PDB file of N, CA and C in Angstrom:
ATOM      1  N   MET A   1       0.816  -1.160  -0.021  1.00  0.00           N
ATOM      2  CA  MET A   1       0.081   0.015   0.105  1.00  0.00           C
ATOM      3  C   MET A   1       0.801   1.297  -0.017  1.00  0.00           C
ATOM      4  N   ALA A   2       0.575   2.156  -0.896  1.00  0.00           N
ATOM      5  CA  ALA A   2       1.287   3.467  -0.925  1.00  0.00           C
ATOM      6  C   ALA A   2       1.033   4.319   0.292  1.00  0.00           C
ATOM      7  N   ASP A   3       2.110   5.010   0.635  1.00  0.00           N
ATOM      8  CA  ASP A   3       1.809   5.879   1.843  1.00  0.00           C
ATOM      9  C   ASP A   3       0.951   7.011   1.382  1.00  0.00           C
ATOM     10  N   PRO A   4       0.082   7.487   2.351  1.00  0.00           N
ATOM     11  CA  PRO A   4      -0.822   8.517   1.903  1.00  0.00           C
ATOM     12  C   PRO A   4      -0.093   9.946   1.870  1.00  0.00           C
ATOM     13  N   ASP A   5      -0.690  10.829   1.217  1.00  0.00           N
ATOM     14  CA  ASP A   5      -0.148  12.241   1.069  1.00  0.00           C
ATOM     15  C   ASP A   5      -0.094  12.873   2.533  1.00  0.00           C
ATOM     16  N   PRO A   6       1.223  13.255   2.915  1.00  0.00           N
ATOM     17  CA  PRO A   6       1.335  13.737   4.351  1.00  0.00           C
ATOM     18  C   PRO A   6       0.616  15.118   4.457  1.00  0.00           C
ATOM     19  N   SER A   7       0.336  15.774   3.307  1.00  0.00           N
ATOM     20  CA  SER A   7      -0.319  17.121   3.441  1.00  0.00           C
ATOM     21  C   SER A   7      -1.790  17.014   3.698  1.00  0.00           C
ATOM     22  N   ARG A   8      -2.322  15.782   3.716  1.00  0.00           N
ATOM     23  CA  ARG A   8      -3.741  15.470   4.026  1.00  0.00           C
ATOM     24  C   ARG A   8      -3.936  14.658   5.348  1.00  0.00           C
ATOM     25  N   PRO A   9      -3.859  15.316   6.486  1.00  0.00           N
ATOM     26  CA  PRO A   9      -3.907  14.625   7.759  1.00  0.00           C
ATOM     27  C   PRO A   9      -5.253  13.816   7.874  1.00  0.00           C
ATOM     28  N   ASP A  10      -6.333  14.263   7.190  1.00  0.00           N
ATOM     29  CA  ASP A  10      -7.505  13.441   7.228  1.00  0.00           C
ATOM     30  C   ASP A  10      -7.366  12.085   6.636  1.00  0.00           C
ATOM     31  N   LEU A  11      -6.647  12.050   5.624  1.00  0.00           N
ATOM     32  CA  LEU A  11      -6.310  10.785   4.922  1.00  0.00           C
ATOM     33  C   LEU A  11      -5.428   9.881   5.830  1.00  0.00           C
ATOM     34  N   LEU A  12      -4.511  10.511   6.484  1.00  0.00           N
ATOM     35  CA  LEU A  12      -3.562   9.770   7.420  1.00  0.00           C
ATOM     36  C   LEU A  12      -4.302   9.064   8.484  1.00  0.00           C
ATOM     37  N   VAL A  13      -5.290   9.863   9.060  1.00  0.00           N
ATOM     38  CA  VAL A  13      -6.209   9.301  10.133  1.00  0.00           C
ATOM     39  C   VAL A  13      -6.881   8.173   9.511  1.00  0.00           C
ATOM     40  N   ARG A  14      -7.553   8.420   8.410  1.00  0.00           N
ATOM     41  CA  ARG A  14      -8.342   7.292   7.838  1.00  0.00           C
ATOM     42  C   ARG A  14      -7.651   6.077   7.454  1.00  0.00           C
ATOM     43  N   VAL A  15      -6.352   6.301   6.997  1.00  0.00           N
ATOM     44  CA  VAL A  15      -5.506   5.181   6.579  1.00  0.00           C
ATOM     45  C   VAL A  15      -5.156   4.384   8.023  1.00  0.00           C
ATOM     46  N   GLU A  16      -4.899   4.902   9.099  1.00  0.00           N
ATOM     47  CA  GLU A  16      -4.598   4.301  10.312  1.00  0.00           C
ATOM     48  C   GLU A  16      -5.872   3.562  10.834  1.00  0.00           C
ATOM     49  N   GLN A  17      -6.972   4.173  10.691  1.00  0.00           N
ATOM     50  CA  GLN A  17      -8.249   3.571  11.132  1.00  0.00           C
ATOM     51  C   GLN A  17      -8.513   2.266  10.299  1.00  0.00           C
ATOM     52  N   THR A  18      -8.249   2.348   9.000  1.00  0.00           N
ATOM     53  CA  THR A  18      -8.480   1.229   8.012  1.00  0.00           C
ATOM     54  C   THR A  18      -7.543   0.122   8.380  1.00  0.00           C
ATOM     55  N   ARG A  19      -6.276   0.466   8.770  1.00  0.00           N
ATOM     56  CA  ARG A  19      -5.236  -0.561   9.024  1.00  0.00           C
ATOM     57  C   ARG A  19      -5.651  -1.245  10.323  1.00  0.00           C
ATOM     58  N   ALA A  20      -6.164  -0.614  11.184  1.00  0.00           N
ATOM     59  CA  ALA A  20      -6.517  -1.158  12.642  1.00  0.00           C
ATOM     60  C   ALA A  20      -7.808  -1.997  12.368  1.00  0.00           C
ATOM     61  N   GLN A  21      -8.681  -1.550  11.528  1.00  0.00           N
ATOM     62  CA  GLN A  21      -9.843  -2.327  11.266  1.00  0.00           C
ATOM     63  C   GLN A  21      -9.522  -3.563  10.601  1.00  0.00           C
ATOM     64  N   SER A  22      -8.626  -3.475   9.628  1.00  0.00           N
ATOM     65  CA  SER A  22      -8.149  -4.725   8.837  1.00  0.00           C
ATOM     66  C   SER A  22      -7.477  -5.660   9.804  1.00  0.00           C
ATOM     67  N   HIS A  23      -6.597  -5.231  10.763  1.00  0.00           N
ATOM     68  CA  HIS A  23      -5.992  -6.090  11.706  1.00  0.00           C
ATOM     69  C   HIS A  23      -6.997  -6.793  12.604  1.00  0.00           C
ATOM     70  N   THR A  24      -7.968  -6.086  13.054  1.00  0.00           N
ATOM     71  CA  THR A  24      -9.094  -6.653  13.806  1.00  0.00           C
ATOM     72  C   THR A  24      -9.899  -7.669  13.131  1.00  0.00           C
ATOM     73  N   LEU A  25     -10.151  -7.436  11.888  1.00  0.00           N
ATOM     74  CA  LEU A  25     -11.031  -8.415  11.084  1.00  0.00           C
ATOM     75  C   LEU A  25     -10.227  -9.655  10.713  1.00  0.00           C
ATOM     76  N   ARG A  26      -8.917  -9.474  10.457  1.00  0.00           N
ATOM     77  CA  ARG A  26      -8.048 -10.712  10.245  1.00  0.00           C
ATOM     78  C   ARG A  26      -8.000 -11.558  11.576  1.00  0.00           C
ATOM     79  N   ALA A  27      -7.844 -10.919  12.683  1.00  0.00           N
ATOM     80  CA  ALA A  27      -7.848 -11.651  13.965  1.00  0.00           C
ATOM     81  C   ALA A  27      -9.183 -12.429  14.132  1.00  0.00           C
ATOM     82  N   GLN A  28     -10.289 -11.723  13.803  1.00  0.00           N
ATOM     83  CA  GLN A  28     -11.516 -12.364  14.036  1.00  0.00           C
ATOM     84  C   GLN A  28     -11.792 -13.543  13.092  1.00  0.00           C
ATOM     85  N   VAL A  29     -11.275 -13.406  11.864  1.00  0.00           N
ATOM     86  CA  VAL A  29     -11.479 -14.487  10.857  1.00  0.00           C
ATOM     87  C   VAL A  29     -10.511 -15.571  11.302  1.00  0.00           C
ATOM     88  N   ALA A  30      -9.366 -15.313  11.805  1.00  0.00           N
ATOM     89  CA  ALA A  30      -8.518 -16.427  12.344  1.00  0.00           C
ATOM     90  C   ALA A  30      -9.104 -17.182  13.454  1.00  0.00           C
ATOM     91  N   GLU A  31      -9.744 -16.424  14.415  1.00  0.00           N
ATOM     92  CA  GLU A  31     -10.479 -17.121  15.435  1.00  0.00           C
ATOM     93  C   GLU A  31     -11.545 -17.941  14.940  1.00  0.00           C
ATOM     94  N   LEU A  32     -12.351 -17.479  13.995  1.00  0.00           N
ATOM     95  CA  LEU A  32     -13.472 -18.201  13.385  1.00  0.00           C
ATOM     96  C   LEU A  32     -12.972 -19.496  12.608  1.00  0.00           C
ATOM     97  N   ALA A  33     -11.729 -19.424  12.096  1.00  0.00           N
ATOM     98  CA  ALA A  33     -11.120 -20.588  11.302  1.00  0.00           C
ATOM     99  C   ALA A  33     -10.788 -21.654  12.280  1.00  0.00           C
ATOM    100  N   GLU A  34     -10.259 -21.258  13.496  1.00  0.00           N
ATOM    101  CA  GLU A  34      -9.902 -22.099  14.495  1.00  0.00           C
ATOM    102  C   GLU A  34     -11.183 -22.772  15.008  1.00  0.00           C
ATOM    103  N   ALA A  35     -12.210 -22.021  15.231  1.00  0.00           N
ATOM    104  CA  ALA A  35     -13.544 -22.555  15.704  1.00  0.00           C
ATOM    105  C   ALA A  35     -14.061 -23.704  14.764  1.00  0.00           C
ATOM    106  N   VAL A  36     -14.014 -23.388  13.377  1.00  0.00           N
ATOM    107  CA  VAL A  36     -14.319 -24.314  12.370  1.00  0.00           C
ATOM    108  C   VAL A  36     -13.531 -25.511  12.406  1.00  0.00           C
ATOM    109  N   ALA A  37     -12.319 -25.327  12.586  1.00  0.00           N
ATOM    110  CA  ALA A  37     -11.246 -26.520  12.711  1.00  0.00           C
ATOM    111  C   ALA A  37     -11.679 -27.435  13.850  1.00  0.00           C
ATOM    112  N   GLU A  38     -11.982 -26.779  15.048  1.00  0.00           N
ATOM    113  CA  GLU A  38     -12.504 -27.630  16.058  1.00  0.00           C
ATOM    114  C   GLU A  38     -13.777 -28.387  15.807  1.00  0.00           C
ATOM    115  N   VAL A  39     -14.712 -27.762  15.205  1.00  0.00           N
ATOM    116  CA  VAL A  39     -15.980 -28.424  14.838  1.00  0.00           C
ATOM    117  C   VAL A  39     -15.685 -29.657  13.905  1.00  0.00           C
ATOM    118  N   GLU A  40     -14.749 -29.453  12.935  1.00  0.00           N
ATOM    119  CA  GLU A  40     -14.506 -30.423  11.976  1.00  0.00           C
ATOM    120  C   GLU A  40     -13.775 -31.644  12.710  1.00  0.00           C
ATOM    121  N   LEU A  41     -12.937 -31.328  13.761  1.00  0.00           N
ATOM    122  CA  LEU A  41     -12.386 -32.310  14.466  1.00  0.00           C
ATOM    123  C   LEU A  41     -13.427 -33.173  15.313  1.00  0.00           C
ATOM    124  N   ASP A  42     -14.378 -32.420  15.756  1.00  0.00           N
ATOM    125  CA  ASP A  42     -15.530 -33.131  16.416  1.00  0.00           C
ATOM    126  C   ASP A  42     -16.325 -34.080  15.403  1.00  0.00           C
ATOM    127  N   VAL A  43     -16.437 -33.545  14.270  1.00  0.00           N
ATOM    128  CA  VAL A  43     -17.156 -34.452  13.268  1.00  0.00           C
ATOM    129  C   VAL A  43     -16.303 -35.579  12.980  1.00  0.00           C
ATOM    130  N   ALA A  44     -14.990 -35.484  12.842  1.00  0.00           N
ATOM    131  CA  ALA A  44     -14.155 -36.641  12.579  1.00  0.00           C
ATOM    132  C   ALA A  44     -14.326 -37.682  13.608  1.00  0.00           C
ATOM    133  N   ARG A  45     -14.259 -37.165  14.939  1.00  0.00           N
ATOM    134  CA  ARG A  45     -14.407 -38.136  15.968  1.00  0.00           C
ATOM    135  C   ARG A  45     -15.718 -38.871  16.027  1.00  0.00           C
ATOM    136  N   VAL A  46     -16.773 -38.222  15.714  1.00  0.00           N
ATOM    137  CA  VAL A  46     -18.089 -38.959  15.561  1.00  0.00           C
ATOM    138  C   VAL A  46     -18.032 -39.951  14.520  1.00  0.00           C
ATOM    139  N   GLN A  47     -17.541 -39.564  13.406  1.00  0.00           N
ATOM    140  CA  GLN A  47     -17.519 -40.380  12.287  1.00  0.00           C
ATOM    141  C   GLN A  47     -16.561 -41.645  12.550  1.00  0.00           C
ATOM    142  N   GLU A  48     -15.453 -41.445  13.177  1.00  0.00           N
ATOM    143  CA  GLU A  48     -14.690 -42.536  13.702  1.00  0.00           C
ATOM    144  C   GLU A  48     -15.401 -43.597  14.548  1.00  0.00           C
ATOM    145  N   VAL A  49     -16.289 -43.053  15.450  1.00  0.00           N
ATOM    146  CA  VAL A  49     -16.963 -43.880  16.291  1.00  0.00           C
ATOM    147  C   VAL A  49     -17.866 -44.744  15.498  1.00  0.00           C
ATOM    148  N   ILE A  50     -18.626 -44.039  14.526  1.00  0.00           N
ATOM    149  CA  ILE A  50     -19.463 -44.719  13.662  1.00  0.00           C
ATOM    150  C   ILE A  50     -18.729 -45.840  12.746  1.00  0.00           C
ATOM    151  N   ALA A  51     -17.424 -45.481  12.365  1.00  0.00           N
ATOM    152  CA  ALA A  51     -16.705 -46.491  11.547  1.00  0.00           C
ATOM    153  C   ALA A  51     -16.311 -47.716  12.472  1.00  0.00           C
ATOM    154  N   GLU A  52     -15.940 -47.367  13.737  1.00  0.00           N
ATOM    155  CA  GLU A  52     -15.691 -48.445  14.634  1.00  0.00           C
ATOM    156  C   GLU A  52     -16.792 -49.427  14.865  1.00  0.00           C
ATOM    157  N   GLN A  53     -17.939 -48.988  14.782  1.00  0.00           N
ATOM    158  CA  GLN A  53     -19.116 -49.822  15.018  1.00  0.00           C
ATOM    159  C   GLN A  53     -19.315 -50.851  13.966  1.00  0.00           C
ATOM    160  N   GLY A  54     -18.647 -50.607  12.756  1.00  0.00           N
ATOM    161  CA  GLY A  54     -18.787 -51.470  11.746  1.00  0.00           C
ATOM    162  C   GLY A  54     -20.003 -51.327  10.922  1.00  0.00           C
ATOM    163  N   GLY A  55     -20.459 -52.274  10.262  1.00  0.00           N
ATOM    164  CA  GLY A  55     -21.715 -52.254   9.478  1.00  0.00           C
ATOM    165  C   GLY A  55     -21.510 -51.573   8.172  1.00  0.00           C
ATOM    166  N   SER A  56     -22.665 -51.318   7.410  1.00  0.00           N
ATOM    167  CA  SER A  56     -22.556 -50.873   6.020  1.00  0.00           C
ATOM    168  C   SER A  56     -22.092 -49.516   5.930  1.00  0.00           C
ATOM    169  N   LEU A  57     -22.162 -48.669   6.935  1.00  0.00           N
ATOM    170  CA  LEU A  57     -21.661 -47.256   6.875  1.00  0.00           C
ATOM    171  C   LEU A  57     -20.312 -47.046   7.284  1.00  0.00           C
ATOM    172  N   ALA A  58     -19.657 -48.146   7.667  1.00  0.00           N
ATOM    173  CA  ALA A  58     -18.155 -48.020   8.293  1.00  0.00           C
ATOM    174  C   ALA A  58     -17.172 -47.328   7.253  1.00  0.00           C
ATOM    175  N   ALA A  59     -17.208 -47.953   6.085  1.00  0.00           N
ATOM    176  CA  ALA A  59     -16.297 -47.278   5.124  1.00  0.00           C
ATOM    177  C   ALA A  59     -16.552 -45.880   4.741  1.00  0.00           C
ATOM    178  N   GLN A  60     -17.771 -45.557   4.644  1.00  0.00           N
ATOM    179  CA  GLN A  60     -18.220 -44.143   4.448  1.00  0.00           C
ATOM    180  C   GLN A  60     -17.878 -43.170   5.510  1.00  0.00           C
ATOM    181  N   ALA A  61     -18.081 -43.756   6.651  1.00  0.00           N
ATOM    182  CA  ALA A  61     -17.779 -42.855   7.862  1.00  0.00           C
ATOM    183  C   ALA A  61     -16.243 -42.664   7.902  1.00  0.00           C
ATOM    184  N   ARG A  62     -15.402 -43.699   7.634  1.00  0.00           N
ATOM    185  CA  ARG A  62     -13.969 -43.439   7.597  1.00  0.00           C
ATOM    186  C   ARG A  62     -13.501 -42.303   6.673  1.00  0.00           C
ATOM    187  N   GLU A  63     -14.231 -42.374   5.482  1.00  0.00           N
ATOM    188  CA  GLU A  63     -13.917 -41.457   4.438  1.00  0.00           C
ATOM    189  C   GLU A  63     -14.317 -39.993   5.011  1.00  0.00           C
ATOM    190  N   HIS A  64     -15.452 -39.908   5.648  1.00  0.00           N
ATOM    191  CA  HIS A  64     -15.915 -38.594   6.063  1.00  0.00           C
ATOM    192  C   HIS A  64     -14.903 -38.184   7.172  1.00  0.00           C
ATOM    193  N   ALA A  65     -14.565 -39.023   8.097  1.00  0.00           N
ATOM    194  CA  ALA A  65     -13.644 -38.733   9.195  1.00  0.00           C
ATOM    195  C   ALA A  65     -12.287 -38.189   8.557  1.00  0.00           C
ATOM    196  N   GLN A  66     -11.745 -38.774   7.563  1.00  0.00           N
ATOM    197  CA  GLN A  66     -10.467 -38.417   6.883  1.00  0.00           C
ATOM    198  C   GLN A  66     -10.707 -36.982   6.371  1.00  0.00           C
ATOM    199  N   ARG A  67     -11.801 -36.823   5.642  1.00  0.00           N
ATOM    200  CA  ARG A  67     -12.022 -35.496   4.953  1.00  0.00           C
ATOM    201  C   ARG A  67     -12.189 -34.349   5.993  1.00  0.00           C
ATOM    202  N   ALA A  68     -12.805 -34.719   7.089  1.00  0.00           N
ATOM    203  CA  ALA A  68     -13.026 -33.794   8.231  1.00  0.00           C
ATOM    204  C   ALA A  68     -11.760 -33.290   8.775  1.00  0.00           C
ATOM    205  N   ARG A  69     -10.883 -34.322   8.973  1.00  0.00           N
ATOM    206  CA  ARG A  69      -9.439 -33.976   9.536  1.00  0.00           C
ATOM    207  C   ARG A  69      -8.703 -33.204   8.654  1.00  0.00           C
ATOM    208  N   GLU A  70      -8.781 -33.516   7.249  1.00  0.00           N
ATOM    209  CA  GLU A  70      -8.004 -32.627   6.254  1.00  0.00           C
ATOM    210  C   GLU A  70      -8.567 -31.258   6.336  1.00  0.00           C
ATOM    211  N   PHE A  71      -9.887 -31.151   6.409  1.00  0.00           N
ATOM    212  CA  PHE A  71     -10.488 -29.885   6.289  1.00  0.00           C
ATOM    213  C   PHE A  71     -10.144 -29.009   7.595  1.00  0.00           C
ATOM    214  N   ALA A  72     -10.096 -29.716   8.743  1.00  0.00           N
ATOM    215  CA  ALA A  72      -9.660 -29.095   9.896  1.00  0.00           C
ATOM    216  C   ALA A  72      -8.193 -28.575   9.890  1.00  0.00           C
ATOM    217  N   ALA A  73      -7.343 -29.458   9.261  1.00  0.00           N
ATOM    218  CA  ALA A  73      -6.055 -28.995   9.074  1.00  0.00           C
ATOM    219  C   ALA A  73      -5.839 -27.682   8.241  1.00  0.00           C
ATOM    220  N   ARG A  74      -6.576 -27.720   7.117  1.00  0.00           N
ATOM    221  CA  ARG A  74      -6.566 -26.538   6.237  1.00  0.00           C
ATOM    222  C   ARG A  74      -7.119 -25.265   6.972  1.00  0.00           C
ATOM    223  N   GLU A  75      -8.087 -25.463   7.752  1.00  0.00           N
ATOM    224  CA  GLU A  75      -8.633 -24.298   8.532  1.00  0.00           C
ATOM    225  C   GLU A  75      -7.669 -23.868   9.552  1.00  0.00           C
ATOM    226  N   HIS A  76      -7.022 -24.725  10.191  1.00  0.00           N
ATOM    227  CA  HIS A  76      -5.958 -24.252  11.210  1.00  0.00           C
ATOM    228  C   HIS A  76      -4.723 -23.709  10.625  1.00  0.00           C
ATOM    229  N   ALA A  77      -4.398 -24.133   9.334  1.00  0.00           N
ATOM    230  CA  ALA A  77      -3.301 -23.601   8.590  1.00  0.00           C
ATOM    231  C   ALA A  77      -3.734 -22.034   8.202  1.00  0.00           C
ATOM    232  N   GLU A  78      -4.914 -21.970   7.728  1.00  0.00           N
ATOM    233  CA  GLU A  78      -5.428 -20.550   7.373  1.00  0.00           C
ATOM    234  C   GLU A  78      -5.502 -19.696   8.694  1.00  0.00           C
ATOM    235  N   ALA A  79      -5.837 -20.144   9.779  1.00  0.00           N
ATOM    236  CA  ALA A  79      -5.764 -19.283  10.978  1.00  0.00           C
ATOM    237  C   ALA A  79      -4.412 -18.918  11.344  1.00  0.00           C
ATOM    238  N   VAL A  80      -3.449 -19.771  11.185  1.00  0.00           N
ATOM    239  CA  VAL A  80      -2.053 -19.445  11.410  1.00  0.00           C
ATOM    240  C   VAL A  80      -1.570 -18.269  10.488  1.00  0.00           C
ATOM    241  N   ARG A  81      -1.886 -18.568   9.190  1.00  0.00           N
ATOM    242  CA  ARG A  81      -1.531 -17.550   8.126  1.00  0.00           C
ATOM    243  C   ARG A  81      -2.134 -16.247   8.475  1.00  0.00           C
ATOM    244  N   LEU A  82      -3.394 -16.195   8.706  1.00  0.00           N
ATOM    245  CA  LEU A  82      -3.991 -14.943   9.119  1.00  0.00           C
ATOM    246  C   LEU A  82      -3.469 -14.291  10.306  1.00  0.00           C
ATOM    247  N   ARG A  83      -3.095 -15.011  11.407  1.00  0.00           N
ATOM    248  CA  ARG A  83      -2.485 -14.377  12.535  1.00  0.00           C
ATOM    249  C   ARG A  83      -1.166 -13.815  12.126  1.00  0.00           C
ATOM    250  N   ARG A  84      -0.366 -14.488  11.386  1.00  0.00           N
ATOM    251  CA  ARG A  84       0.879 -13.985  10.913  1.00  0.00           C
ATOM    252  C   ARG A  84       0.763 -12.691  10.128  1.00  0.00           C
ATOM    253  N   VAL A  85      -0.241 -12.568   9.146  1.00  0.00           N
ATOM    254  CA  VAL A  85      -0.406 -11.407   8.415  1.00  0.00           C
ATOM    255  C   VAL A  85      -0.934 -10.277   9.362  1.00  0.00           C
ATOM    256  N   ALA A  86      -1.757 -10.638  10.323  1.00  0.00           N
ATOM    257  CA  ALA A  86      -2.270  -9.523  11.141  1.00  0.00           C
ATOM    258  C   ALA A  86      -1.103  -9.057  12.136  1.00  0.00           C
ATOM    259  N   ALA A  87      -0.168  -9.802  12.409  1.00  0.00           N
ATOM    260  CA  ALA A  87       0.939  -9.384  13.207  1.00  0.00           C
ATOM    261  C   ALA A  87       1.809  -8.399  12.533  1.00  0.00           C
ATOM    262  N   ASP A  88       1.890  -8.522  11.291  1.00  0.00           N
ATOM    263  CA  ASP A  88       2.859  -7.588  10.410  1.00  0.00           C
ATOM    264  C   ASP A  88       2.310  -6.142  10.395  1.00  0.00           C
TER     265      ASP A  88
END
């Protein structure tokens, strides 16, 4: 982002407000991504219990559990990335 014109103090204030808001929003999105990851891990655990019970849905439940764990890992990685960006 280019630096604002120093002869326009109103723009300087607005730029700082926007940067602060952007930082806050990134932190909130990171927090939500972590929450989504936790929910997906819960889904994976439930699917694993279903798979352990055997039966006709066991294979499908194992696949769902694996996908949920992969999704959780991606969400966690996104949260880490957003926190790193917000810290800059």
